[in-house]
N, C-alpha and C. Protein backbone atom coordinates (compact mmCIF):
# COMPACT_ATOMS: atom_id res chain seq x y z
N ARG A 1 60.25 36.97 76.36
CA ARG A 1 59.05 38.39 76.42
C ARG A 1 60.30 39.04 76.43
N ILE A 2 60.65 38.66 77.66
CA ILE A 2 61.32 39.58 78.70
C ILE A 2 62.38 40.39 78.14
N VAL A 3 63.82 39.04 77.60
CA VAL A 3 64.35 39.34 76.30
C VAL A 3 64.67 40.83 75.35
N GLN A 4 63.03 40.44 74.96
CA GLN A 4 62.05 41.70 73.98
C GLN A 4 62.00 41.80 74.33
N SER A 5 61.41 42.63 75.61
CA SER A 5 60.81 43.50 76.09
C SER A 5 62.85 44.88 76.68
N MET A 6 64.01 43.68 76.93
CA MET A 6 64.70 45.12 77.50
C MET A 6 65.58 44.72 76.17
N ARG A 7 65.68 44.83 75.26
CA ARG A 7 65.80 45.32 73.67
C ARG A 7 65.15 46.46 73.38
N SER A 8 63.51 45.93 73.07
CA SER A 8 63.41 47.25 73.24
C SER A 8 63.58 48.86 73.00
N LEU A 9 63.47 48.27 74.41
CA LEU A 9 64.57 49.56 75.49
C LEU A 9 65.30 50.51 75.01
N SER A 10 66.13 49.54 74.19
CA SER A 10 67.44 49.80 73.82
C SER A 10 67.87 50.36 72.45
N VAL A 11 66.28 50.07 71.26
CA VAL A 11 65.71 50.52 70.48
C VAL A 11 66.16 51.72 69.67
N ILE A 12 66.54 52.38 69.30
CA ILE A 12 67.25 54.25 68.83
C ILE A 12 65.60 54.49 68.12
N LYS A 13 64.51 54.52 67.82
CA LYS A 13 63.57 55.54 66.92
C LYS A 13 64.09 56.22 66.39
N ASN A 14 64.97 57.19 67.03
CA ASN A 14 65.41 58.63 65.77
C ASN A 14 64.52 59.26 65.37
N ASP A 15 63.40 59.55 66.11
CA ASP A 15 62.02 60.87 65.38
C ASP A 15 62.91 61.86 65.66
N LYS A 16 63.70 62.77 65.36
CA LYS A 16 64.36 64.39 66.23
C LYS A 16 63.27 65.43 65.40
N LYS A 17 63.15 65.71 66.95
CA LYS A 17 62.41 67.09 66.57
C LYS A 17 63.18 68.18 67.22
N LEU A 18 62.84 69.31 66.71
CA LEU A 18 63.17 70.24 67.55
C LEU A 18 62.74 71.26 68.66
N HIS A 19 63.04 71.20 69.91
CA HIS A 19 62.50 71.10 71.35
C HIS A 19 62.86 72.32 72.21
N THR A 20 63.16 73.76 73.48
CA THR A 20 63.85 73.88 73.61
C THR A 20 64.30 73.16 74.58
N ALA A 21 65.83 72.92 74.95
CA ALA A 21 66.32 72.42 76.01
C ALA A 21 66.25 72.53 77.37
N ASN A 22 66.02 73.53 78.23
CA ASN A 22 64.94 74.36 78.69
C ASN A 22 63.58 73.30 79.25
N ASP A 23 62.68 73.55 78.50
CA ASP A 23 61.62 72.46 77.98
C ASP A 23 61.80 70.38 78.50
N LEU A 24 62.73 70.55 77.84
CA LEU A 24 63.11 69.22 77.98
C LEU A 24 63.68 68.81 79.91
N ILE A 25 64.46 69.28 79.92
CA ILE A 25 65.38 69.47 81.57
C ILE A 25 64.03 69.35 82.24
N SER A 26 63.12 70.69 82.43
CA SER A 26 62.32 71.00 83.13
C SER A 26 60.86 69.78 83.48
N GLU A 27 60.99 68.87 81.85
CA GLU A 27 60.48 67.69 82.41
C GLU A 27 60.79 66.51 82.36
N SER A 28 61.81 66.92 83.10
CA SER A 28 63.39 65.44 82.96
C SER A 28 63.16 65.60 84.57
N ILE A 29 62.81 67.10 85.05
CA ILE A 29 63.33 67.17 86.82
C ILE A 29 61.92 67.48 87.39
N HIS A 30 60.27 66.81 85.72
CA HIS A 30 59.29 66.86 86.52
C HIS A 30 59.42 65.29 87.46
N ILE A 31 59.43 64.44 85.93
CA ILE A 31 59.30 62.80 85.89
C ILE A 31 59.81 62.52 87.41
N MET A 32 61.01 63.14 87.74
CA MET A 32 61.94 62.71 89.18
C MET A 32 61.61 62.78 90.60
N ALA A 33 60.29 64.53 90.10
CA ALA A 33 60.30 64.92 91.66
C ALA A 33 59.68 63.70 92.72
N ASP A 34 58.93 63.24 91.82
CA ASP A 34 58.37 62.39 93.02
C ASP A 34 60.02 61.44 93.60
N LEU A 35 60.71 60.32 93.39
CA LEU A 35 61.28 59.49 93.61
C LEU A 35 62.58 60.84 93.87
N ALA A 36 62.70 62.42 94.23
CA ALA A 36 63.69 62.53 94.14
C ALA A 36 62.98 63.60 95.79
N SER A 37 61.87 63.54 96.27
CA SER A 37 60.58 64.30 97.21
C SER A 37 61.06 62.76 98.46
N GLN A 38 60.71 61.71 97.90
CA GLN A 38 60.80 60.56 98.50
C GLN A 38 62.31 60.14 99.70
N TYR A 39 63.59 60.93 98.98
CA TYR A 39 64.70 60.54 99.28
C TYR A 39 65.17 61.90 99.71
N ASP A 40 64.24 63.12 100.28
CA ASP A 40 64.87 64.32 100.67
C ASP A 40 65.13 64.78 99.86
N VAL A 41 65.30 65.38 97.83
CA VAL A 41 66.59 65.47 97.93
C VAL A 41 65.95 66.77 96.51
N LYS A 42 67.19 67.89 97.20
CA LYS A 42 66.79 69.59 96.38
C LYS A 42 67.65 68.52 95.29
N ILE A 43 66.61 69.60 93.76
CA ILE A 43 67.04 70.03 92.71
C ILE A 43 66.69 70.74 91.79
N GLU A 44 68.55 71.14 91.66
CA GLU A 44 68.28 72.73 91.39
C GLU A 44 68.39 73.01 88.95
N PHE A 45 67.64 73.80 88.95
CA PHE A 45 68.08 73.68 87.80
C PHE A 45 68.62 75.03 87.03
N ASP A 46 68.80 75.76 86.47
CA ASP A 46 69.59 76.91 86.31
C ASP A 46 70.05 77.15 84.65
N SER A 47 68.58 77.69 84.12
CA SER A 47 68.05 76.94 82.78
C SER A 47 69.22 78.23 82.44
N ASP A 48 68.56 77.46 80.63
CA ASP A 48 69.70 78.79 80.00
C ASP A 48 68.73 79.66 79.06
N PRO A 49 69.44 80.87 79.42
CA PRO A 49 68.54 82.19 79.08
C PRO A 49 68.26 82.50 77.53
N LYS A 50 68.71 81.42 76.72
CA LYS A 50 68.85 81.93 75.37
C LYS A 50 67.77 80.62 74.76
N GLY A 51 67.43 80.16 75.33
CA GLY A 51 66.17 79.01 75.31
C GLY A 51 66.75 78.01 73.79
N ILE A 52 67.86 77.58 73.91
CA ILE A 52 67.89 77.32 73.23
C ILE A 52 68.16 75.65 72.20
N LYS A 53 68.15 75.64 71.18
CA LYS A 53 67.03 74.52 70.89
C LYS A 53 67.54 73.30 70.19
N ILE A 54 67.45 72.18 70.65
CA ILE A 54 68.26 71.42 70.25
C ILE A 54 67.11 69.65 69.04
N LYS A 55 67.64 69.03 68.89
CA LYS A 55 67.19 68.84 67.87
C LYS A 55 67.70 66.74 68.60
N VAL A 56 66.49 66.67 69.36
CA VAL A 56 66.28 64.71 69.85
C VAL A 56 65.07 64.19 69.76
N ASP A 57 65.20 63.04 69.84
CA ASP A 57 63.49 62.85 69.75
C ASP A 57 63.23 62.58 71.42
N TYR A 58 62.40 62.65 71.39
CA TYR A 58 61.69 63.45 72.66
C TYR A 58 61.82 62.84 74.26
N ASP A 59 61.52 61.02 74.03
CA ASP A 59 61.54 60.29 74.04
C ASP A 59 62.64 59.98 75.01
N GLU A 60 62.94 59.69 74.41
CA GLU A 60 65.01 59.14 73.94
C GLU A 60 66.29 60.20 74.93
N PHE A 61 65.31 61.40 74.80
CA PHE A 61 66.34 62.65 76.22
C PHE A 61 65.67 62.07 77.12
N ILE A 62 64.42 62.67 77.44
CA ILE A 62 63.46 61.72 78.46
C ILE A 62 64.22 60.78 79.31
N GLN A 63 64.07 59.65 78.31
CA GLN A 63 64.69 58.37 79.63
C GLN A 63 66.41 58.96 79.52
N SER A 64 66.80 59.05 78.73
CA SER A 64 68.99 59.58 78.86
C SER A 64 68.87 60.49 80.23
N LEU A 65 68.01 61.30 80.34
CA LEU A 65 67.92 62.75 81.44
C LEU A 65 67.81 62.19 82.57
N THR A 66 66.43 61.36 82.48
CA THR A 66 66.40 60.65 84.08
C THR A 66 66.55 59.50 84.65
N ASN A 67 67.31 59.11 83.41
CA ASN A 67 68.03 58.10 83.85
C ASN A 67 69.96 58.44 85.28
N VAL A 68 69.42 59.35 84.33
CA VAL A 68 71.39 60.27 85.19
C VAL A 68 70.21 60.95 86.37
N LEU A 69 69.86 61.75 86.99
CA LEU A 69 68.82 61.90 87.52
C LEU A 69 68.55 60.51 88.44
N ARG A 70 67.87 60.01 88.18
CA ARG A 70 68.02 58.72 88.81
C ARG A 70 69.01 58.14 89.87
N ASN A 71 70.27 57.64 89.08
CA ASN A 71 71.51 57.65 89.22
C ASN A 71 71.65 58.67 90.41
N SER A 72 71.79 59.73 90.19
CA SER A 72 72.64 60.59 90.82
C SER A 72 71.08 61.04 92.14
N ILE A 73 69.83 60.71 92.15
CA ILE A 73 69.30 60.24 94.01
C ILE A 73 69.67 59.08 94.76
N GLN A 74 70.03 58.13 93.48
CA GLN A 74 70.47 56.90 94.77
C GLN A 74 71.48 57.11 95.05
N ALA A 75 72.49 57.86 94.44
CA ALA A 75 73.47 58.08 94.78
C ALA A 75 73.42 58.69 96.71
N ILE A 76 72.98 59.67 96.17
CA ILE A 76 72.06 60.60 97.24
C ILE A 76 71.85 59.81 98.58
N ALA A 77 70.74 58.61 98.69
CA ALA A 77 70.25 57.76 98.89
C ALA A 77 71.42 57.07 99.95
N GLU A 78 71.84 57.34 98.90
CA GLU A 78 73.18 55.94 99.23
C GLU A 78 73.45 56.16 100.69
N LYS A 79 74.50 57.82 100.15
CA LYS A 79 75.46 58.34 100.81
C LYS A 79 74.79 59.06 102.88
N LYS A 80 73.05 59.53 102.59
CA LYS A 80 72.42 59.19 103.29
C LYS A 80 72.33 58.12 104.74
N GLU A 81 72.12 56.87 104.22
CA GLU A 81 72.39 55.72 104.72
C GLU A 81 73.61 55.97 106.12
N SER A 82 74.54 56.60 105.51
CA SER A 82 75.28 56.24 106.66
C SER A 82 76.04 58.00 107.63
N GLN A 83 75.00 59.21 106.50
CA GLN A 83 75.26 60.01 107.13
C GLN A 83 73.64 60.89 107.40
N THR A 84 73.54 61.17 108.87
CA THR A 84 71.49 61.32 109.13
C THR A 84 71.82 62.79 108.92
N LYS A 85 72.63 63.37 108.57
CA LYS A 85 71.89 64.68 109.13
C LYS A 85 72.02 65.81 107.53
N PHE A 86 72.90 64.51 106.49
CA PHE A 86 73.19 65.43 104.83
C PHE A 86 71.79 65.51 103.80
N ILE A 87 72.31 66.67 103.19
CA ILE A 87 70.98 67.26 102.81
C ILE A 87 71.82 66.79 101.05
N GLY A 88 71.25 66.62 100.73
CA GLY A 88 71.13 65.91 99.32
C GLY A 88 70.63 66.72 97.90
N GLN A 89 71.45 67.18 97.16
CA GLN A 89 71.13 67.98 96.02
C GLN A 89 71.88 67.76 95.23
N ILE A 90 71.37 68.08 93.72
CA ILE A 90 71.72 68.03 92.42
C ILE A 90 71.33 69.24 91.75
N LYS A 91 72.30 69.76 91.19
CA LYS A 91 71.91 70.88 90.71
C LYS A 91 72.59 71.01 89.02
N VAL A 92 71.92 70.56 88.13
CA VAL A 92 71.07 71.50 86.29
C VAL A 92 71.18 71.97 86.30
N SER A 93 72.05 72.04 85.04
CA SER A 93 72.88 73.85 84.48
C SER A 93 72.05 73.51 82.96
N ALA A 94 72.02 74.41 81.59
CA ALA A 94 72.12 74.07 80.55
C ALA A 94 73.14 75.32 80.25
N LYS A 95 73.36 75.44 79.13
CA LYS A 95 74.46 76.19 78.61
C LYS A 95 75.53 76.38 77.74
N ALA A 96 75.36 77.19 76.71
CA ALA A 96 76.51 76.60 75.80
C ALA A 96 77.28 76.72 75.35
N SER A 97 78.45 76.10 75.52
CA SER A 97 79.84 76.00 75.48
C SER A 97 80.87 76.23 74.10
N SER A 98 80.29 77.22 73.54
CA SER A 98 80.46 77.17 72.14
C SER A 98 79.62 77.65 71.01
N VAL A 99 78.95 77.83 70.31
CA VAL A 99 78.32 78.73 69.99
C VAL A 99 77.30 77.74 68.96
N ASP A 100 77.66 75.88 68.18
CA ASP A 100 77.50 74.93 68.29
C ASP A 100 77.02 74.12 69.03
N GLN A 101 77.05 74.04 70.54
CA GLN A 101 77.65 73.39 71.47
C GLN A 101 76.53 73.42 72.60
N LEU A 102 75.60 72.93 73.57
CA LEU A 102 75.00 72.92 74.09
C LEU A 102 75.69 71.94 75.97
N GLU A 103 75.83 72.53 76.86
CA GLU A 103 76.27 72.13 77.77
C GLU A 103 75.13 71.52 79.00
N ILE A 104 74.64 69.84 79.24
CA ILE A 104 74.52 70.31 80.27
C ILE A 104 74.95 69.64 81.11
N SER A 105 74.83 69.88 82.52
CA SER A 105 75.96 69.50 83.65
C SER A 105 74.16 68.81 84.69
N ILE A 106 75.02 67.57 84.95
CA ILE A 106 73.72 67.53 86.35
C ILE A 106 75.02 67.07 87.47
N VAL A 107 75.23 68.13 88.18
CA VAL A 107 76.21 68.00 89.66
C VAL A 107 75.66 68.05 90.62
N ASP A 108 75.70 66.14 90.97
CA ASP A 108 75.34 65.42 92.47
C ASP A 108 76.17 65.40 93.68
N ASN A 109 75.64 65.37 94.69
CA ASN A 109 77.05 65.28 96.22
C ASN A 109 76.66 64.33 96.91
N GLY A 110 76.34 63.42 96.26
CA GLY A 110 76.52 62.41 96.28
C GLY A 110 77.45 60.90 96.94
N ILE A 111 77.33 60.32 96.94
CA ILE A 111 77.78 58.48 97.41
C ILE A 111 79.17 58.88 96.48
N GLY A 112 79.46 59.52 94.81
CA GLY A 112 80.93 59.48 94.28
C GLY A 112 81.06 57.89 93.72
N VAL A 113 81.79 57.90 92.61
CA VAL A 113 82.20 56.25 91.85
C VAL A 113 83.25 56.41 92.55
N ASP A 114 83.70 55.34 92.95
CA ASP A 114 84.74 54.82 93.02
C ASP A 114 85.68 54.69 91.53
N GLU A 115 86.48 54.86 91.66
CA GLU A 115 87.78 55.11 90.88
C GLU A 115 87.55 53.90 89.99
N SER A 116 88.30 52.64 90.21
CA SER A 116 87.51 51.00 89.88
C SER A 116 86.62 51.34 88.80
N HIS A 117 85.94 52.01 89.28
CA HIS A 117 84.20 52.04 88.22
C HIS A 117 84.19 52.60 87.40
N LYS A 118 85.42 54.03 87.24
CA LYS A 118 84.56 54.81 86.48
C LYS A 118 84.59 54.57 84.75
N SER A 119 86.06 53.78 84.15
CA SER A 119 85.76 53.50 82.37
C SER A 119 84.75 52.22 83.09
N LYS A 120 83.36 51.67 83.56
CA LYS A 120 82.94 50.41 83.45
C LYS A 120 81.38 51.21 83.28
N LEU A 121 81.74 52.73 83.59
CA LEU A 121 79.97 52.84 83.37
C LEU A 121 79.02 52.82 82.90
N PHE A 122 79.84 52.66 81.69
CA PHE A 122 78.76 52.94 80.34
C PHE A 122 78.73 51.44 79.75
N GLU A 123 79.57 50.36 80.04
CA GLU A 123 79.64 49.42 79.86
C GLU A 123 77.90 48.47 79.99
N THR A 124 77.61 47.88 78.58
CA THR A 124 76.42 47.03 79.43
C THR A 124 75.88 46.31 80.61
N GLN A 125 75.88 46.25 81.50
CA GLN A 125 75.52 45.40 81.79
C GLN A 125 76.13 45.45 83.29
N PHE A 126 76.82 46.85 83.67
CA PHE A 126 78.01 47.26 84.66
C PHE A 126 76.89 47.58 85.83
N THR A 127 77.73 48.12 87.01
CA THR A 127 76.83 48.02 87.38
C THR A 127 76.97 48.11 88.64
N THR A 128 77.43 48.54 89.92
CA THR A 128 77.78 48.76 91.58
C THR A 128 76.15 47.97 92.16
N LYS A 129 74.29 48.77 91.47
CA LYS A 129 73.59 49.09 92.77
C LYS A 129 73.32 47.33 92.86
N PRO A 130 72.40 46.89 93.84
CA PRO A 130 71.67 44.95 94.22
C PRO A 130 71.18 45.60 92.50
N ARG A 131 70.49 43.90 92.27
CA ARG A 131 70.03 43.54 91.24
C ARG A 131 68.67 44.48 91.40
N GLU A 132 67.64 44.51 92.79
CA GLU A 132 66.16 45.35 92.31
C GLU A 132 66.74 46.82 92.25
N HIS A 133 67.51 47.58 92.07
CA HIS A 133 68.06 48.50 91.86
C HIS A 133 68.53 48.69 90.72
N GLY A 134 69.28 48.05 89.78
CA GLY A 134 69.45 48.29 88.56
C GLY A 134 69.93 47.87 87.21
N THR A 135 70.22 47.24 86.30
CA THR A 135 69.86 46.72 85.48
C THR A 135 71.82 46.29 84.62
N GLY A 136 72.61 47.72 84.73
CA GLY A 136 73.55 48.26 84.64
C GLY A 136 73.62 48.52 82.97
N LEU A 137 72.31 48.61 82.57
CA LEU A 137 71.71 48.73 80.65
C LEU A 137 71.71 50.28 80.33
N GLY A 138 70.90 51.35 81.87
CA GLY A 138 70.92 52.56 81.61
C GLY A 138 71.69 54.05 81.74
N LEU A 139 72.78 53.40 81.67
CA LEU A 139 74.19 54.77 81.14
C LEU A 139 74.08 54.55 79.96
N ASN A 140 74.39 52.83 79.49
CA ASN A 140 74.35 52.08 78.11
C ASN A 140 73.74 52.77 77.07
N ILE A 141 72.43 52.77 77.36
CA ILE A 141 70.99 53.07 76.64
C ILE A 141 71.62 54.78 76.73
N CYS A 142 71.58 55.58 77.87
CA CYS A 142 71.61 56.77 77.45
C CYS A 142 73.55 57.45 76.32
N ARG A 143 73.64 56.74 76.58
CA ARG A 143 75.05 57.14 75.69
C ARG A 143 74.59 56.96 74.18
N ARG A 144 74.08 55.76 73.75
CA ARG A 144 73.10 55.39 72.67
C ARG A 144 72.81 56.47 72.49
N PHE A 145 72.02 56.72 73.03
CA PHE A 145 70.68 57.50 72.48
C PHE A 145 71.63 59.02 72.26
N ILE A 146 71.72 59.76 73.29
CA ILE A 146 72.63 60.62 72.80
C ILE A 146 73.74 60.97 71.88
N ARG A 147 74.12 59.63 71.38
CA ARG A 147 74.96 60.02 70.45
C ARG A 147 74.30 59.51 69.58
N SER A 148 73.36 59.55 69.22
CA SER A 148 72.06 59.18 67.89
C SER A 148 72.18 60.77 67.40
N PHE A 149 71.92 61.12 69.12
CA PHE A 149 71.30 62.76 68.48
C PHE A 149 73.05 63.54 68.65
N ASN A 150 73.91 63.45 67.95
CA ASN A 150 75.32 63.68 67.98
C ASN A 150 76.14 64.30 68.61
N GLY A 151 75.48 63.88 70.00
CA GLY A 151 76.34 64.68 71.00
C GLY A 151 77.12 63.58 72.01
N GLU A 152 76.80 63.33 73.37
CA GLU A 152 78.27 62.71 73.56
C GLU A 152 77.65 62.98 75.54
N ILE A 153 77.80 62.07 75.85
CA ILE A 153 77.52 61.92 77.36
C ILE A 153 78.46 61.46 78.62
N TYR A 154 79.43 61.46 79.36
CA TYR A 154 80.13 61.58 80.45
C TYR A 154 81.06 61.36 81.58
N LEU A 155 81.64 61.83 82.23
CA LEU A 155 81.84 61.35 83.98
C LEU A 155 82.84 62.46 83.80
N LYS A 156 82.31 63.77 83.93
CA LYS A 156 83.87 64.68 84.02
C LYS A 156 84.40 64.23 85.22
N GLU A 157 83.74 64.36 86.18
CA GLU A 157 84.70 63.98 87.53
C GLU A 157 83.69 63.82 88.77
N SER A 158 84.38 62.75 89.68
CA SER A 158 83.54 62.03 90.89
C SER A 158 85.22 62.25 91.50
N LYS A 159 84.53 62.08 93.16
CA LYS A 159 84.90 61.68 93.97
C LYS A 159 84.81 61.05 95.52
N VAL A 160 84.73 59.83 95.91
CA VAL A 160 84.40 59.08 96.66
C VAL A 160 83.88 60.05 97.82
N GLY A 161 82.30 60.08 97.95
CA GLY A 161 81.78 60.47 99.30
C GLY A 161 81.89 61.88 99.28
N GLU A 162 81.45 62.49 97.83
CA GLU A 162 81.55 64.04 97.69
C GLU A 162 80.31 64.18 96.45
N GLY A 163 81.15 63.61 95.73
CA GLY A 163 79.75 63.95 95.07
C GLY A 163 80.17 62.91 93.07
N SER A 164 79.41 63.47 92.09
CA SER A 164 79.87 63.24 90.94
C SER A 164 79.47 64.56 90.31
N VAL A 165 79.61 65.20 88.81
CA VAL A 165 79.32 65.67 87.28
C VAL A 165 79.73 64.41 86.44
N PHE A 166 77.89 64.82 85.92
CA PHE A 166 77.89 64.03 84.68
C PHE A 166 77.61 65.23 83.53
N VAL A 167 78.08 65.00 82.28
CA VAL A 167 78.05 66.24 81.07
C VAL A 167 77.50 65.27 80.00
N ILE A 168 76.03 65.95 79.10
CA ILE A 168 75.89 66.65 78.36
C ILE A 168 76.25 66.65 77.51
N GLU A 169 77.44 66.70 76.16
CA GLU A 169 76.99 67.63 75.55
C GLU A 169 75.46 67.14 73.86
N LEU A 170 75.63 68.37 73.70
CA LEU A 170 74.42 67.95 72.74
C LEU A 170 74.28 69.49 71.37
N PRO A 171 74.56 68.75 70.68
CA PRO A 171 74.53 70.29 69.50
C PRO A 171 73.74 71.01 69.32
N VAL A 172 73.75 72.70 69.27
CA VAL A 172 72.85 73.34 68.69
C VAL A 172 71.66 73.68 67.84
N ALA A 173 70.68 72.75 67.69
CA ALA A 173 70.25 73.18 66.79
C ALA A 173 69.79 74.03 65.39
N LYS A 174 70.09 74.07 64.84
CA LYS A 174 70.33 75.75 62.99
C LYS A 174 68.81 75.11 62.92
N THR A 175 68.62 76.69 63.28
CA THR A 175 66.40 77.07 62.85
C THR A 175 66.15 77.15 61.99
N GLU A 176 64.93 77.44 60.95
CA GLU A 176 64.79 77.89 59.84
C GLU A 176 65.60 79.55 59.27
N VAL A 177 65.06 80.16 60.84
CA VAL A 177 65.40 81.22 60.57
C VAL A 177 66.93 81.54 60.55
N ASP A 178 68.18 80.24 61.30
CA ASP A 178 69.21 80.77 61.41
C ASP A 178 69.70 80.28 59.91
N ASN A 179 69.22 79.19 59.75
CA ASN A 179 69.47 78.81 57.96
C ASN A 179 69.19 79.78 56.64
N ARG A 180 68.03 81.00 56.67
CA ARG A 180 67.48 82.18 56.35
C ARG A 180 68.85 83.19 56.48
N HIS A 181 69.21 83.27 57.77
CA HIS A 181 70.07 84.34 57.55
C HIS A 181 72.24 83.91 56.31
N GLU A 182 72.06 82.91 57.04
CA GLU A 182 73.27 82.08 56.58
C GLU A 182 73.02 81.59 54.53
N GLN A 183 72.17 81.50 54.29
CA GLN A 183 71.88 81.95 53.08
C GLN A 183 71.98 83.36 52.59
N GLU A 184 71.33 83.57 53.19
CA GLU A 184 72.11 85.78 53.00
C GLU A 184 72.64 86.01 52.88
N SER A 185 73.81 85.12 53.62
CA SER A 185 74.29 85.97 54.18
C SER A 185 75.75 85.37 52.49
N ALA A 186 75.52 84.91 52.59
CA ALA A 186 76.43 83.89 51.07
C ALA A 186 76.08 84.78 50.30
């Protein structure tokens, strides 16, 4: 039963619908607010002024982003153990990186990722956390979900002791209005 439950977590439903990226990101931050508060971590969101829409499965996207946020909170909590006056921060931003691409950046000032771990981050069952804090499935499942939306997730940069930057790239959804304009101009 346990194995079946774990497998069901990684099954891609692909119930894709149009969602405003800002709304999904705000909801993910709201879900993680209690955990962030518990570790005295401030999460800031610099939203996309255009209200870009993306076509994703709501639950799978939320699961993916909350997992990255949880990892950032845990990285900050780990850093706080050795630095008493440290203020934890996560900055999330959403912006169009091109006409048809949305880039969501999650920047934290946590413990960072060791160079020897960077290439393994998205592998199944790879974790640097104790068993009670991680299974090594989170980022692997995130990548599978994000790729099922024709997107990508990756570690853009990380410095041990300074923090990490994760990026989620997703295609901007073409709305029915966009499609009509393309047809009219053709």
